[in-house]
N, C-alpha and C. Protein backbone atom coordinates (compact mmCIF):
# COMPACT_ATOMS: atom_id res chain seq x y z
N MET A 1 4.73 1.29 -27.73
CA MET A 1 4.19 0.40 -26.72
C MET A 1 4.35 1.04 -25.34
N GLN A 2 3.37 0.91 -24.50
CA GLN A 2 3.40 1.47 -23.15
C GLN A 2 4.07 0.51 -22.18
N LYS A 3 4.91 1.06 -21.32
CA LYS A 3 5.54 0.30 -20.25
C LYS A 3 4.93 0.74 -18.93
N GLN A 4 4.87 -0.18 -18.00
CA GLN A 4 4.45 0.12 -16.64
C GLN A 4 5.71 0.30 -15.80
N LEU A 5 5.80 1.41 -15.13
CA LEU A 5 6.96 1.73 -14.32
C LEU A 5 6.50 1.93 -12.88
N VAL A 6 7.14 1.23 -11.95
CA VAL A 6 6.88 1.42 -10.53
C VAL A 6 8.09 2.14 -9.96
N VAL A 7 7.84 3.27 -9.32
CA VAL A 7 8.90 4.15 -8.82
C VAL A 7 8.75 4.31 -7.32
N THR A 8 9.83 4.14 -6.58
CA THR A 8 9.83 4.46 -5.16
C THR A 8 10.73 5.68 -4.95
N VAL A 9 10.29 6.55 -4.04
CA VAL A 9 10.98 7.80 -3.78
C VAL A 9 11.05 7.99 -2.27
N ILE A 10 12.23 8.34 -1.76
CA ILE A 10 12.36 8.65 -0.34
C ILE A 10 13.39 9.75 -0.16
N GLY A 11 13.10 10.64 0.79
CA GLY A 11 14.03 11.72 1.09
C GLY A 11 13.43 12.63 2.14
N ALA A 12 14.23 13.56 2.63
CA ALA A 12 13.74 14.50 3.64
C ALA A 12 12.50 15.20 3.11
N ASP A 13 11.45 15.23 3.93
CA ASP A 13 10.19 15.84 3.50
C ASP A 13 10.36 17.36 3.37
N ARG A 14 9.72 17.90 2.34
CA ARG A 14 9.70 19.33 2.09
C ARG A 14 8.54 19.62 1.14
N PRO A 15 8.06 20.84 1.15
CA PRO A 15 6.99 21.20 0.21
C PRO A 15 7.47 21.07 -1.24
N GLY A 16 6.59 20.61 -2.11
CA GLY A 16 6.87 20.60 -3.55
C GLY A 16 7.33 19.29 -4.15
N ILE A 17 7.56 18.27 -3.34
CA ILE A 17 8.06 17.00 -3.90
C ILE A 17 7.05 16.40 -4.88
N VAL A 18 5.79 16.36 -4.48
CA VAL A 18 4.77 15.75 -5.35
C VAL A 18 4.66 16.55 -6.65
N GLU A 19 4.71 17.87 -6.55
CA GLU A 19 4.62 18.69 -7.75
C GLU A 19 5.81 18.45 -8.68
N GLU A 20 7.01 18.30 -8.12
CA GLU A 20 8.20 18.01 -8.93
C GLU A 20 8.05 16.67 -9.66
N LEU A 21 7.58 15.66 -8.93
CA LEU A 21 7.36 14.36 -9.56
C LEU A 21 6.35 14.46 -10.69
N ALA A 22 5.24 15.12 -10.41
CA ALA A 22 4.17 15.24 -11.42
C ALA A 22 4.66 16.00 -12.65
N ALA A 23 5.44 17.05 -12.44
CA ALA A 23 5.95 17.84 -13.57
C ALA A 23 6.86 17.00 -14.46
N LEU A 24 7.78 16.25 -13.85
CA LEU A 24 8.69 15.42 -14.65
C LEU A 24 7.93 14.33 -15.41
N ILE A 25 6.98 13.73 -14.75
CA ILE A 25 6.20 12.68 -15.41
C ILE A 25 5.46 13.26 -16.61
N SER A 26 4.85 14.42 -16.41
CA SER A 26 4.13 15.08 -17.49
C SER A 26 5.07 15.49 -18.63
N GLN A 27 6.24 16.07 -18.28
CA GLN A 27 7.21 16.52 -19.29
C GLN A 27 7.73 15.37 -20.15
N HIS A 28 7.72 14.16 -19.59
CA HIS A 28 8.21 12.99 -20.33
C HIS A 28 7.07 12.10 -20.83
N SER A 29 5.89 12.72 -20.98
CA SER A 29 4.70 12.06 -21.55
C SER A 29 4.28 10.82 -20.78
N GLY A 30 4.54 10.82 -19.48
CA GLY A 30 4.09 9.70 -18.64
C GLY A 30 2.69 9.95 -18.13
N ASN A 31 2.05 8.90 -17.71
CA ASN A 31 0.70 8.97 -17.15
C ASN A 31 0.76 8.42 -15.73
N TRP A 32 0.49 9.26 -14.74
CA TRP A 32 0.48 8.90 -13.32
C TRP A 32 -0.78 8.08 -13.08
N LEU A 33 -0.63 6.79 -12.82
CA LEU A 33 -1.78 5.90 -12.68
C LEU A 33 -2.22 5.70 -11.23
N ALA A 34 -1.27 5.49 -10.34
CA ALA A 34 -1.61 5.22 -8.94
C ALA A 34 -0.43 5.58 -8.08
N SER A 35 -0.71 5.88 -6.81
CA SER A 35 0.39 6.20 -5.91
C SER A 35 -0.05 6.08 -4.46
N SER A 36 0.94 5.99 -3.61
CA SER A 36 0.75 6.06 -2.17
C SER A 36 1.93 6.83 -1.63
N MET A 37 1.65 7.93 -0.91
CA MET A 37 2.71 8.79 -0.43
C MET A 37 2.41 9.21 1.00
N SER A 38 3.47 9.31 1.80
CA SER A 38 3.31 9.68 3.20
C SER A 38 4.54 10.40 3.70
N GLU A 39 4.34 11.18 4.74
CA GLU A 39 5.43 11.73 5.52
C GLU A 39 5.55 10.80 6.72
N LEU A 40 6.72 10.20 6.89
CA LEU A 40 6.96 9.27 7.98
C LEU A 40 8.24 9.70 8.68
N ALA A 41 8.13 10.11 9.92
CA ALA A 41 9.29 10.50 10.74
C ALA A 41 10.17 11.53 10.03
N GLY A 42 9.53 12.51 9.38
CA GLY A 42 10.29 13.56 8.71
C GLY A 42 10.77 13.21 7.32
N GLN A 43 10.47 12.02 6.87
CA GLN A 43 10.87 11.58 5.53
C GLN A 43 9.65 11.49 4.62
N PHE A 44 9.82 11.91 3.37
CA PHE A 44 8.80 11.70 2.35
C PHE A 44 9.03 10.30 1.81
N ALA A 45 7.99 9.49 1.77
CA ALA A 45 8.09 8.14 1.21
C ALA A 45 6.94 7.96 0.23
N GLY A 46 7.29 7.61 -0.99
CA GLY A 46 6.24 7.46 -2.00
C GLY A 46 6.52 6.30 -2.93
N ILE A 47 5.44 5.76 -3.45
CA ILE A 47 5.53 4.74 -4.49
C ILE A 47 4.48 5.11 -5.54
N LEU A 48 4.88 5.04 -6.80
CA LEU A 48 4.01 5.45 -7.90
C LEU A 48 3.98 4.38 -8.99
N GLN A 49 2.87 4.30 -9.67
CA GLN A 49 2.76 3.49 -10.88
C GLN A 49 2.55 4.46 -12.03
N ILE A 50 3.41 4.36 -13.02
CA ILE A 50 3.37 5.26 -14.16
C ILE A 50 3.31 4.43 -15.44
N SER A 51 2.54 4.89 -16.39
CA SER A 51 2.53 4.30 -17.72
C SER A 51 3.27 5.28 -18.64
N VAL A 52 4.22 4.77 -19.39
CA VAL A 52 5.01 5.65 -20.26
C VAL A 52 5.38 4.90 -21.54
N ASP A 53 5.39 5.62 -22.63
CA ASP A 53 5.74 5.05 -23.93
C ASP A 53 7.22 4.65 -23.93
N ASP A 54 7.54 3.57 -24.64
CA ASP A 54 8.93 3.10 -24.75
C ASP A 54 9.91 4.22 -25.07
N GLY A 55 9.52 5.13 -25.95
CA GLY A 55 10.41 6.19 -26.39
C GLY A 55 10.74 7.21 -25.31
N HIS A 56 9.93 7.28 -24.26
CA HIS A 56 10.14 8.25 -23.18
C HIS A 56 10.60 7.58 -21.88
N TYR A 57 10.64 6.27 -21.88
CA TYR A 57 10.93 5.50 -20.67
C TYR A 57 12.29 5.87 -20.07
N ARG A 58 13.33 5.77 -20.87
CA ARG A 58 14.70 6.02 -20.38
C ARG A 58 14.86 7.47 -19.90
N GLY A 59 14.35 8.42 -20.67
CA GLY A 59 14.45 9.83 -20.30
C GLY A 59 13.73 10.13 -18.99
N LEU A 60 12.57 9.53 -18.80
CA LEU A 60 11.82 9.73 -17.56
C LEU A 60 12.61 9.16 -16.38
N CYS A 61 13.13 7.96 -16.52
CA CYS A 61 13.91 7.36 -15.43
C CYS A 61 15.12 8.22 -15.09
N GLU A 62 15.82 8.70 -16.10
CA GLU A 62 17.00 9.55 -15.86
C GLU A 62 16.60 10.84 -15.15
N ALA A 63 15.53 11.48 -15.59
CA ALA A 63 15.09 12.74 -14.98
C ALA A 63 14.67 12.53 -13.53
N LEU A 64 13.95 11.45 -13.26
CA LEU A 64 13.52 11.18 -11.88
C LEU A 64 14.71 10.89 -10.98
N SER A 65 15.71 10.19 -11.50
CA SER A 65 16.86 9.85 -10.67
C SER A 65 17.73 11.07 -10.35
N LEU A 66 17.54 12.17 -11.06
CA LEU A 66 18.30 13.39 -10.81
C LEU A 66 17.61 14.34 -9.84
N LEU A 67 16.45 13.98 -9.32
CA LEU A 67 15.76 14.85 -8.37
C LEU A 67 16.63 15.07 -7.13
N ALA A 68 16.84 16.32 -6.79
CA ALA A 68 17.73 16.68 -5.69
C ALA A 68 17.20 16.20 -4.34
N GLY A 69 18.07 15.54 -3.58
CA GLY A 69 17.74 15.14 -2.21
C GLY A 69 16.83 13.94 -2.09
N LEU A 70 16.57 13.25 -3.19
CA LEU A 70 15.68 12.10 -3.16
C LEU A 70 16.38 10.84 -3.68
N LYS A 71 16.14 9.73 -3.02
CA LYS A 71 16.59 8.43 -3.52
C LYS A 71 15.43 7.84 -4.31
N VAL A 72 15.70 7.50 -5.55
CA VAL A 72 14.66 7.01 -6.45
C VAL A 72 15.07 5.64 -6.97
N SER A 73 14.14 4.70 -6.96
CA SER A 73 14.41 3.38 -7.56
C SER A 73 13.25 3.00 -8.46
N PHE A 74 13.53 2.09 -9.38
CA PHE A 74 12.57 1.74 -10.43
C PHE A 74 12.41 0.22 -10.54
N ALA A 75 11.23 -0.18 -10.94
CA ALA A 75 10.97 -1.57 -11.32
C ALA A 75 9.97 -1.54 -12.46
N GLU A 76 10.22 -2.36 -13.47
CA GLU A 76 9.25 -2.43 -14.56
C GLU A 76 8.11 -3.34 -14.13
N GLY A 77 6.90 -2.84 -14.27
CA GLY A 77 5.72 -3.59 -13.86
C GLY A 77 5.02 -4.22 -15.04
N VAL A 78 4.01 -5.00 -14.73
CA VAL A 78 3.16 -5.62 -15.74
C VAL A 78 1.71 -5.42 -15.32
N LEU A 79 0.85 -5.26 -16.28
CA LEU A 79 -0.57 -5.17 -15.97
C LEU A 79 -1.11 -6.57 -15.78
N GLY A 80 -1.74 -6.80 -14.65
CA GLY A 80 -2.31 -8.11 -14.37
C GLY A 80 -3.82 -8.01 -14.26
N ALA A 81 -4.44 -9.15 -14.27
CA ALA A 81 -5.89 -9.19 -14.11
C ALA A 81 -6.26 -8.89 -12.66
N GLU A 82 -7.38 -8.23 -12.46
CA GLU A 82 -7.89 -7.98 -11.12
C GLU A 82 -8.23 -9.32 -10.46
N PRO A 83 -7.91 -9.46 -9.18
CA PRO A 83 -8.31 -10.68 -8.49
C PRO A 83 -9.84 -10.82 -8.53
N GLU A 84 -10.32 -12.04 -8.66
CA GLU A 84 -11.75 -12.28 -8.76
C GLU A 84 -12.48 -11.97 -7.47
N ARG A 85 -11.85 -12.23 -6.34
CA ARG A 85 -12.52 -12.13 -5.05
C ARG A 85 -11.66 -11.32 -4.10
N GLN A 86 -12.12 -10.13 -3.76
CA GLN A 86 -11.35 -9.30 -2.85
C GLN A 86 -12.29 -8.56 -1.90
N LEU A 87 -11.72 -8.15 -0.78
CA LEU A 87 -12.50 -7.39 0.19
C LEU A 87 -11.60 -6.42 0.93
N MET A 88 -12.24 -5.44 1.53
CA MET A 88 -11.54 -4.47 2.37
C MET A 88 -11.86 -4.85 3.80
N LEU A 89 -10.82 -5.01 4.61
CA LEU A 89 -11.05 -5.32 6.01
C LEU A 89 -10.28 -4.37 6.90
N THR A 90 -10.81 -4.17 8.09
CA THR A 90 -10.16 -3.34 9.09
C THR A 90 -9.91 -4.18 10.32
N VAL A 91 -8.71 -4.12 10.84
CA VAL A 91 -8.33 -4.83 12.07
C VAL A 91 -7.95 -3.76 13.08
N THR A 92 -8.54 -3.80 14.27
CA THR A 92 -8.19 -2.86 15.33
C THR A 92 -7.95 -3.62 16.62
N GLY A 93 -7.07 -3.07 17.46
CA GLY A 93 -6.79 -3.68 18.75
C GLY A 93 -5.75 -2.87 19.49
N ASN A 94 -5.52 -3.21 20.75
CA ASN A 94 -4.49 -2.53 21.52
C ASN A 94 -3.15 -2.74 20.83
N ASP A 95 -2.37 -1.66 20.71
CA ASP A 95 -1.09 -1.75 20.03
C ASP A 95 -0.10 -2.59 20.84
N ARG A 96 0.71 -3.36 20.11
CA ARG A 96 1.78 -4.16 20.72
C ARG A 96 2.73 -4.58 19.62
N PRO A 97 3.98 -4.84 19.95
CA PRO A 97 4.93 -5.29 18.93
C PRO A 97 4.49 -6.61 18.28
N GLY A 98 4.69 -6.72 16.99
CA GLY A 98 4.45 -7.98 16.28
C GLY A 98 3.08 -8.16 15.68
N ILE A 99 2.17 -7.21 15.87
CA ILE A 99 0.80 -7.41 15.41
C ILE A 99 0.71 -7.49 13.88
N VAL A 100 1.50 -6.66 13.17
CA VAL A 100 1.46 -6.71 11.70
C VAL A 100 1.96 -8.07 11.22
N HIS A 101 3.02 -8.56 11.82
CA HIS A 101 3.55 -9.87 11.45
C HIS A 101 2.51 -10.96 11.67
N GLU A 102 1.83 -10.92 12.81
CA GLU A 102 0.83 -11.95 13.12
C GLU A 102 -0.33 -11.93 12.13
N VAL A 103 -0.83 -10.73 11.82
CA VAL A 103 -1.94 -10.61 10.87
C VAL A 103 -1.50 -11.08 9.48
N ALA A 104 -0.32 -10.63 9.05
CA ALA A 104 0.19 -11.03 7.72
C ALA A 104 0.41 -12.53 7.64
N SER A 105 0.85 -13.14 8.73
CA SER A 105 1.07 -14.58 8.75
C SER A 105 -0.24 -15.34 8.59
N ILE A 106 -1.27 -14.91 9.30
CA ILE A 106 -2.59 -15.56 9.17
C ILE A 106 -3.09 -15.44 7.73
N LEU A 107 -2.98 -14.25 7.16
CA LEU A 107 -3.46 -14.05 5.79
C LEU A 107 -2.72 -14.98 4.82
N ARG A 108 -1.40 -15.09 4.98
CA ARG A 108 -0.63 -15.98 4.10
C ARG A 108 -1.06 -17.43 4.29
N GLN A 109 -1.20 -17.84 5.55
CA GLN A 109 -1.60 -19.23 5.82
C GLN A 109 -2.95 -19.57 5.18
N LEU A 110 -3.83 -18.58 5.08
CA LEU A 110 -5.16 -18.80 4.48
C LEU A 110 -5.14 -18.63 2.96
N GLY A 111 -3.97 -18.29 2.41
CA GLY A 111 -3.86 -18.13 0.95
C GLY A 111 -4.32 -16.78 0.45
N ALA A 112 -4.51 -15.81 1.36
CA ALA A 112 -4.93 -14.47 0.97
C ALA A 112 -3.71 -13.63 0.60
N ASN A 113 -3.89 -12.70 -0.32
CA ASN A 113 -2.81 -11.83 -0.76
C ASN A 113 -3.16 -10.38 -0.43
N VAL A 114 -2.27 -9.68 0.26
CA VAL A 114 -2.48 -8.28 0.60
C VAL A 114 -2.19 -7.44 -0.64
N ILE A 115 -3.20 -6.73 -1.11
CA ILE A 115 -3.07 -5.87 -2.28
C ILE A 115 -2.69 -4.45 -1.85
N ASP A 116 -3.29 -3.99 -0.77
CA ASP A 116 -3.01 -2.65 -0.28
C ASP A 116 -3.14 -2.68 1.24
N LEU A 117 -2.22 -2.01 1.94
CA LEU A 117 -2.22 -2.03 3.40
C LEU A 117 -1.86 -0.66 3.93
N THR A 118 -2.68 -0.16 4.85
CA THR A 118 -2.40 1.07 5.58
C THR A 118 -2.52 0.75 7.05
N THR A 119 -1.51 1.10 7.84
CA THR A 119 -1.54 0.85 9.27
C THR A 119 -1.20 2.12 10.03
N GLY A 120 -1.55 2.11 11.29
CA GLY A 120 -1.20 3.25 12.13
C GLY A 120 -1.62 3.01 13.56
N CYS A 121 -1.33 3.99 14.39
CA CYS A 121 -1.74 3.98 15.79
C CYS A 121 -2.36 5.32 16.11
N GLU A 122 -3.37 5.29 16.95
CA GLU A 122 -3.99 6.51 17.43
C GLU A 122 -4.43 6.29 18.86
N ALA A 123 -4.69 7.36 19.58
CA ALA A 123 -5.12 7.24 20.97
C ALA A 123 -6.56 6.71 21.02
N ALA A 124 -6.79 5.73 21.87
CA ALA A 124 -8.14 5.20 22.07
C ALA A 124 -9.02 6.31 22.65
N PRO A 125 -10.29 6.38 22.25
CA PRO A 125 -11.16 7.50 22.64
C PRO A 125 -11.26 7.73 24.16
N HIS A 126 -11.42 6.72 24.95
CA HIS A 126 -11.67 6.91 26.38
C HIS A 126 -10.40 6.81 27.22
N SER A 127 -9.55 5.87 26.88
CA SER A 127 -8.37 5.63 27.73
C SER A 127 -7.13 6.38 27.28
N GLY A 128 -7.06 6.72 26.00
CA GLY A 128 -5.87 7.36 25.47
C GLY A 128 -4.75 6.37 25.17
N ALA A 129 -4.97 5.09 25.46
CA ALA A 129 -3.97 4.06 25.17
C ALA A 129 -3.78 3.93 23.66
N PRO A 130 -2.58 3.53 23.21
CA PRO A 130 -2.36 3.39 21.76
C PRO A 130 -3.22 2.27 21.17
N LEU A 131 -3.96 2.62 20.14
CA LEU A 131 -4.86 1.70 19.44
C LEU A 131 -4.31 1.48 18.03
N PHE A 132 -3.99 0.24 17.71
CA PHE A 132 -3.47 -0.13 16.39
C PHE A 132 -4.64 -0.30 15.43
N TYR A 133 -4.44 0.11 14.18
CA TYR A 133 -5.43 -0.19 13.15
C TYR A 133 -4.71 -0.57 11.86
N ALA A 134 -5.37 -1.41 11.09
CA ALA A 134 -4.89 -1.78 9.76
C ALA A 134 -6.09 -1.82 8.83
N HIS A 135 -5.97 -1.16 7.70
CA HIS A 135 -6.97 -1.24 6.64
C HIS A 135 -6.28 -1.99 5.50
N ALA A 136 -6.87 -3.08 5.07
CA ALA A 136 -6.23 -3.90 4.04
C ALA A 136 -7.22 -4.29 2.95
N LEU A 137 -6.79 -4.13 1.71
CA LEU A 137 -7.50 -4.70 0.58
C LEU A 137 -6.84 -6.05 0.34
N VAL A 138 -7.64 -7.11 0.39
CA VAL A 138 -7.10 -8.47 0.37
C VAL A 138 -7.77 -9.28 -0.73
N ALA A 139 -6.96 -9.98 -1.52
CA ALA A 139 -7.48 -10.94 -2.51
C ALA A 139 -7.60 -12.29 -1.82
N LEU A 140 -8.77 -12.90 -1.96
CA LEU A 140 -9.04 -14.16 -1.27
C LEU A 140 -9.14 -15.33 -2.24
N PRO A 141 -8.66 -16.49 -1.81
CA PRO A 141 -8.90 -17.68 -2.63
C PRO A 141 -10.39 -18.02 -2.61
N GLN A 142 -10.88 -18.60 -3.68
CA GLN A 142 -12.31 -18.91 -3.80
C GLN A 142 -12.83 -19.77 -2.65
N GLU A 143 -11.99 -20.68 -2.17
CA GLU A 143 -12.46 -21.64 -1.16
C GLU A 143 -12.48 -21.08 0.26
N LEU A 144 -11.95 -19.88 0.48
CA LEU A 144 -11.88 -19.32 1.83
C LEU A 144 -13.21 -18.68 2.22
N ALA A 145 -13.81 -19.19 3.30
CA ALA A 145 -15.06 -18.65 3.81
C ALA A 145 -14.77 -17.45 4.71
N LEU A 146 -15.60 -16.42 4.62
CA LEU A 146 -15.40 -15.22 5.44
C LEU A 146 -15.34 -15.50 6.94
N PRO A 147 -16.23 -16.34 7.48
CA PRO A 147 -16.13 -16.62 8.92
C PRO A 147 -14.79 -17.22 9.32
N THR A 148 -14.20 -18.04 8.46
CA THR A 148 -12.88 -18.61 8.74
C THR A 148 -11.83 -17.51 8.81
N LEU A 149 -11.87 -16.59 7.87
CA LEU A 149 -10.94 -15.47 7.86
C LEU A 149 -11.08 -14.64 9.13
N ILE A 150 -12.29 -14.26 9.47
CA ILE A 150 -12.53 -13.41 10.64
C ILE A 150 -12.13 -14.14 11.92
N ASP A 151 -12.56 -15.39 12.07
CA ASP A 151 -12.21 -16.15 13.28
C ASP A 151 -10.71 -16.32 13.43
N SER A 152 -10.02 -16.57 12.33
CA SER A 152 -8.56 -16.76 12.38
C SER A 152 -7.86 -15.49 12.83
N LEU A 153 -8.28 -14.36 12.30
CA LEU A 153 -7.66 -13.10 12.70
C LEU A 153 -8.00 -12.73 14.14
N GLU A 154 -9.25 -12.89 14.52
CA GLU A 154 -9.66 -12.54 15.88
C GLU A 154 -9.06 -13.48 16.93
N SER A 155 -8.63 -14.66 16.52
CA SER A 155 -8.03 -15.60 17.47
C SER A 155 -6.63 -15.15 17.91
N LEU A 156 -6.07 -14.16 17.24
CA LEU A 156 -4.74 -13.67 17.59
C LEU A 156 -4.71 -13.00 18.97
N SER A 157 -5.83 -12.39 19.36
CA SER A 157 -5.87 -11.66 20.63
C SER A 157 -7.32 -11.43 21.04
N ASP A 158 -7.56 -11.38 22.34
CA ASP A 158 -8.92 -11.13 22.84
C ASP A 158 -9.44 -9.75 22.46
N ASP A 159 -8.53 -8.78 22.26
CA ASP A 159 -8.97 -7.42 21.99
C ASP A 159 -8.96 -7.06 20.50
N LEU A 160 -8.65 -8.01 19.64
CA LEU A 160 -8.57 -7.73 18.21
C LEU A 160 -9.95 -7.85 17.58
N VAL A 161 -10.35 -6.82 16.83
CA VAL A 161 -11.65 -6.79 16.16
C VAL A 161 -11.43 -6.69 14.67
N VAL A 162 -12.16 -7.49 13.90
CA VAL A 162 -12.07 -7.49 12.44
C VAL A 162 -13.41 -7.06 11.89
N ASP A 163 -13.39 -6.04 11.03
CA ASP A 163 -14.60 -5.57 10.35
C ASP A 163 -14.39 -5.71 8.86
N ILE A 164 -15.42 -6.20 8.19
CA ILE A 164 -15.40 -6.26 6.74
C ILE A 164 -16.06 -4.98 6.25
N ASP A 165 -15.27 -4.15 5.56
CA ASP A 165 -15.77 -2.85 5.11
C ASP A 165 -16.46 -2.92 3.76
N GLN A 166 -16.25 -3.99 3.06
CA GLN A 166 -16.78 -4.10 1.71
C GLN A 166 -17.10 -5.57 1.47
N ASP A 167 -18.25 -5.81 0.85
CA ASP A 167 -18.62 -7.19 0.54
C ASP A 167 -17.61 -7.80 -0.43
N VAL A 168 -17.48 -9.11 -0.36
CA VAL A 168 -16.63 -9.84 -1.28
C VAL A 168 -17.19 -9.68 -2.68
N GLU A 169 -16.29 -9.38 -3.62
CA GLU A 169 -16.70 -9.28 -5.02
C GLU A 169 -16.63 -10.65 -5.65
N ASP A 170 -17.71 -11.07 -6.24
CA ASP A 170 -17.73 -12.37 -6.91
C ASP A 170 -17.50 -12.24 -8.39
């Protein structure tokens, strides 16, 4: 029987971390299903979803936990059904403290669930001022109308813009 394993990895960034992870997963008959990895402030930070047979599960976990210089943690996952209604949205605006909290709070209040989130700051094209952006894949409740979602998010600030990058899947 296949188990779903969610692995988080953090440690000082250096070349070869991804290759080491991939080699161990392959050596223990695991299947690398999904991941998100970044270098953040000199640290490698990654999260992976792996499918592995029961017979290789323990050995894979032990091998991953022995990786030099990396803190590794595990959680057993479950395969769930895809949300019926989801969309990709982008939120941009002048950077300021608390913006992620405010956006996440609105989404929760509307019953939306963040499936995937990428955020960052970059220099605005003309002024060079820090410009915040968030790309989010969001599962929506059936009763939530898109204009309500957009208006609620844009009401957070005069400079906040919300773009729907992908139509809602029905």
